[in-house]
Structures are given as structure tokens and as C-alpha cells.
C-alpha atoms as a PDB file:
ATOM      1  CA  MET A   1     -22.359   7.446   2.656  1.00  0.00           C
ATOM      2  CA  CYS A   2     -24.208   4.284   2.008  1.00  0.00           C
ATOM      3  CA  LEU A   3     -22.871   1.941  -0.503  1.00  0.00           C
ATOM      4  CA  ALA A   4     -23.324  -1.718  -1.473  1.00  0.00           C
ATOM      5  CA  ILE A   5     -20.414  -3.847  -0.533  1.00  0.00           C
ATOM      6  CA  PRO A   6     -19.271  -6.956  -2.354  1.00  0.00           C
ATOM      7  CA  GLY A   7     -19.253 -10.300  -0.591  1.00  0.00           C
ATOM      8  CA  LYS A   8     -18.797 -13.879  -1.246  1.00  0.00           C
ATOM      9  CA  VAL A   9     -21.616 -16.340  -0.337  1.00  0.00           C
ATOM     10  CA  VAL A  10     -20.441 -18.910   1.851  1.00  0.00           C
ATOM     11  CA  GLU A  11     -23.708 -20.794   2.306  1.00  0.00           C
ATOM     12  CA  THR A  12     -27.249 -20.318   1.591  1.00  0.00           C
ATOM     13  CA  TYR A  13     -30.290 -21.477   3.738  1.00  0.00           C
ATOM     14  CA  ARG A  14     -34.062 -20.822   4.479  1.00  0.00           C
ATOM     15  CA  GLU A  15     -35.173 -18.950   7.257  1.00  0.00           C
ATOM     16  CA  HIS A  16     -38.897 -18.606   7.713  1.00  0.00           C
ATOM     17  CA  ASP A  17     -39.341 -19.110   4.094  1.00  0.00           C
ATOM     18  CA  VAL A  18     -36.867 -16.435   3.144  1.00  0.00           C
ATOM     19  CA  LEU A  19     -33.681 -17.209   1.159  1.00  0.00           C
ATOM     20  CA  MET A  20     -30.801 -16.088   3.487  1.00  0.00           C
ATOM     21  CA  GLY A  21     -27.015 -16.879   3.370  1.00  0.00           C
ATOM     22  CA  LYS A  22     -23.860 -16.279   5.134  1.00  0.00           C
ATOM     23  CA  VAL A  23     -21.743 -13.759   3.198  1.00  0.00           C
ATOM     24  CA  GLN A  24     -17.877 -12.864   3.702  1.00  0.00           C
ATOM     25  CA  PHE A  25     -16.581  -9.458   3.503  1.00  0.00           C
ATOM     26  CA  GLY A  26     -12.797  -9.740   3.646  1.00  0.00           C
ATOM     27  CA  GLY A  27     -12.790 -12.177   6.521  1.00  0.00           C
ATOM     28  CA  VAL A  28     -15.810 -10.767   8.398  1.00  0.00           C
ATOM     29  CA  SER A  29     -19.115 -12.830   7.861  1.00  0.00           C
ATOM     30  CA  LYS A  30     -22.603 -11.447   7.962  1.00  0.00           C
ATOM     31  CA  ARG A  31     -26.211 -12.860   7.626  1.00  0.00           C
ATOM     32  CA  VAL A  32     -27.639 -11.562   4.535  1.00  0.00           C
ATOM     33  CA  CYS A  33     -31.155 -11.789   2.777  1.00  0.00           C
ATOM     34  CA  LEU A  34     -30.673 -13.161  -0.631  1.00  0.00           C
ATOM     35  CA  GLU A  35     -34.339 -13.024  -1.880  1.00  0.00           C
ATOM     36  CA  HIS A  36     -33.479 -10.473  -4.658  1.00  0.00           C
ATOM     37  CA  VAL A  37     -30.929 -12.867  -6.109  1.00  0.00           C
ATOM     38  CA  PRO A  38     -32.624 -16.346  -5.890  1.00  0.00           C
ATOM     39  CA  ASP A  39     -30.338 -18.093  -8.221  1.00  0.00           C
ATOM     40  CA  VAL A  40     -27.288 -17.363  -6.024  1.00  0.00           C
ATOM     41  CA  ARG A  41     -25.272 -20.219  -4.980  1.00  0.00           C
ATOM     42  CA  ALA A  42     -22.408 -20.735  -2.469  1.00  0.00           C
ATOM     43  CA  ASP A  43     -19.047 -19.368  -4.049  1.00  0.00           C
ATOM     44  CA  ASP A  44     -20.874 -16.505  -5.933  1.00  0.00           C
ATOM     45  CA  TYR A  45     -20.257 -12.871  -5.370  1.00  0.00           C
ATOM     46  CA  VAL A  46     -22.980 -10.430  -4.489  1.00  0.00           C
ATOM     47  CA  LEU A  47     -23.417  -6.783  -3.789  1.00  0.00           C
ATOM     48  CA  VAL A  48     -24.953  -6.000  -0.356  1.00  0.00           C
ATOM     49  CA  HIS A  49     -26.594  -3.022   0.788  1.00  0.00           C
ATOM     50  CA  VAL A  50     -28.115  -2.802   4.417  1.00  0.00           C
ATOM     51  CA  GLY A  51     -28.222  -6.600   4.678  1.00  0.00           C
ATOM     52  CA  PHE A  52     -30.010  -7.368   1.403  1.00  0.00           C
ATOM     53  CA  ALA A  53     -28.043  -8.716  -1.967  1.00  0.00           C
ATOM     54  CA  LEU A  54     -28.898  -6.590  -4.492  1.00  0.00           C
ATOM     55  CA  SER A  55     -27.215  -8.419  -7.370  1.00  0.00           C
ATOM     56  CA  ARG A  56     -24.872 -10.929  -8.390  1.00  0.00           C
ATOM     57  CA  ILE A  57     -21.297  -9.943  -9.725  1.00  0.00           C
ATOM     58  CA  ASP A  58     -18.224 -11.681 -10.859  1.00  0.00           C
ATOM     59  CA  GLU A  59     -15.067 -12.151  -8.656  1.00  0.00           C
ATOM     60  CA  ALA A  60     -12.970  -9.737 -10.684  1.00  0.00           C
ATOM     61  CA  GLU A  61     -15.687  -6.906 -10.025  1.00  0.00           C
ATOM     62  CA  ALA A  62     -16.105  -7.782  -6.578  1.00  0.00           C
ATOM     63  CA  ARG A  63     -12.311  -7.434  -6.076  1.00  0.00           C
ATOM     64  CA  ARG A  64     -12.204  -4.064  -7.927  1.00  0.00           C
ATOM     65  CA  VAL A  65     -15.237  -2.515  -5.862  1.00  0.00           C
ATOM     66  CA  PHE A  66     -13.923  -3.537  -2.670  1.00  0.00           C
ATOM     67  CA  GLU A  67     -10.326  -2.286  -3.401  1.00  0.00           C
ATOM     68  CA  PHE A  68     -11.987   0.916  -4.287  1.00  0.00           C
ATOM     69  CA  LEU A  69     -13.993   1.194  -1.230  1.00  0.00           C
ATOM     70  CA  ASP A  70     -11.019   0.260   0.903  1.00  0.00           C
ATOM     71  CA  HIS A  71      -9.031   2.983  -0.904  1.00  0.00           C
ATOM     72  CA  MET A  72     -11.990   5.412  -0.070  1.00  0.00           C
ATOM     73  CA  ASP A  73     -11.836   4.409   3.653  1.00  0.00           C
ATOM     74  CA  GLN A  74     -15.358   3.122   3.457  1.00  0.00           C
ATOM     75  CA  LEU A  75     -15.078  -0.322   5.078  1.00  0.00           C
ATOM     76  CA  ASP A  76     -15.106   0.756   8.829  1.00  0.00           C
ATOM     77  CA  GLU A  77     -18.163  -1.164   9.507  1.00  0.00           C
ATOM     78  CA  LEU A  78     -16.726  -4.434   8.442  1.00  0.00           C
ATOM     79  CA  LYS A  79     -13.669  -4.216  10.511  1.00  0.00           C
ATOM     80  CA  GLU A  80     -13.605  -6.484  13.675  1.00  0.00           C
ATOM     81  CA  ARG A  81     -14.292  -4.401  16.787  1.00  0.00           C
ATOM     82  CA  ALA A  82     -12.380  -5.160  19.929  1.00  0.00           C
ATOM     83  CA  PRO A  83     -14.672  -6.338  22.968  1.00  0.00           C
END
């Protein structure tokens, strides 16, 4: 199942003139395209699907969605893998 995952924007930057960011998902950081949410800033929360932030959400909503996905066991891709 493909779902949007909430994450916290740690930093934003431009890469080849595309707005990108480092987004943290429960301790795991990933590179995310932020072009669909151009007004996003560090410390904002976003919903991310396949590497693209689709919308901004508040912290309470991010927590609710993350807890729901954790309960549904849908966060496997965010867990650190042993080398």
C-alpha cells in the first residue's frame, strides 16, 4: 500500500533550481522534493509520498498520522536496515 508519510523538515535547499529538503521521519532522514509546497520552512511538517512533499500539516496531525501508520505496521521502509 502506498501512503503519504508525515515528516519534519530539517532544512531546505536548492538543487538544480529545484526546492529540496532534508526531512526527518521518526529519526530517519531522507531527501525530499519540496516544489509542491514552496512556502515550507525548517520545522514545518509535510506529508511525503514517493519522495515528494504533497502538503504541509501541523505537528498534531503529523503525530496522529505517524501513530496510525505505526499501528498499521506501514512504516517498514523507514526503519534502519542493518548493513
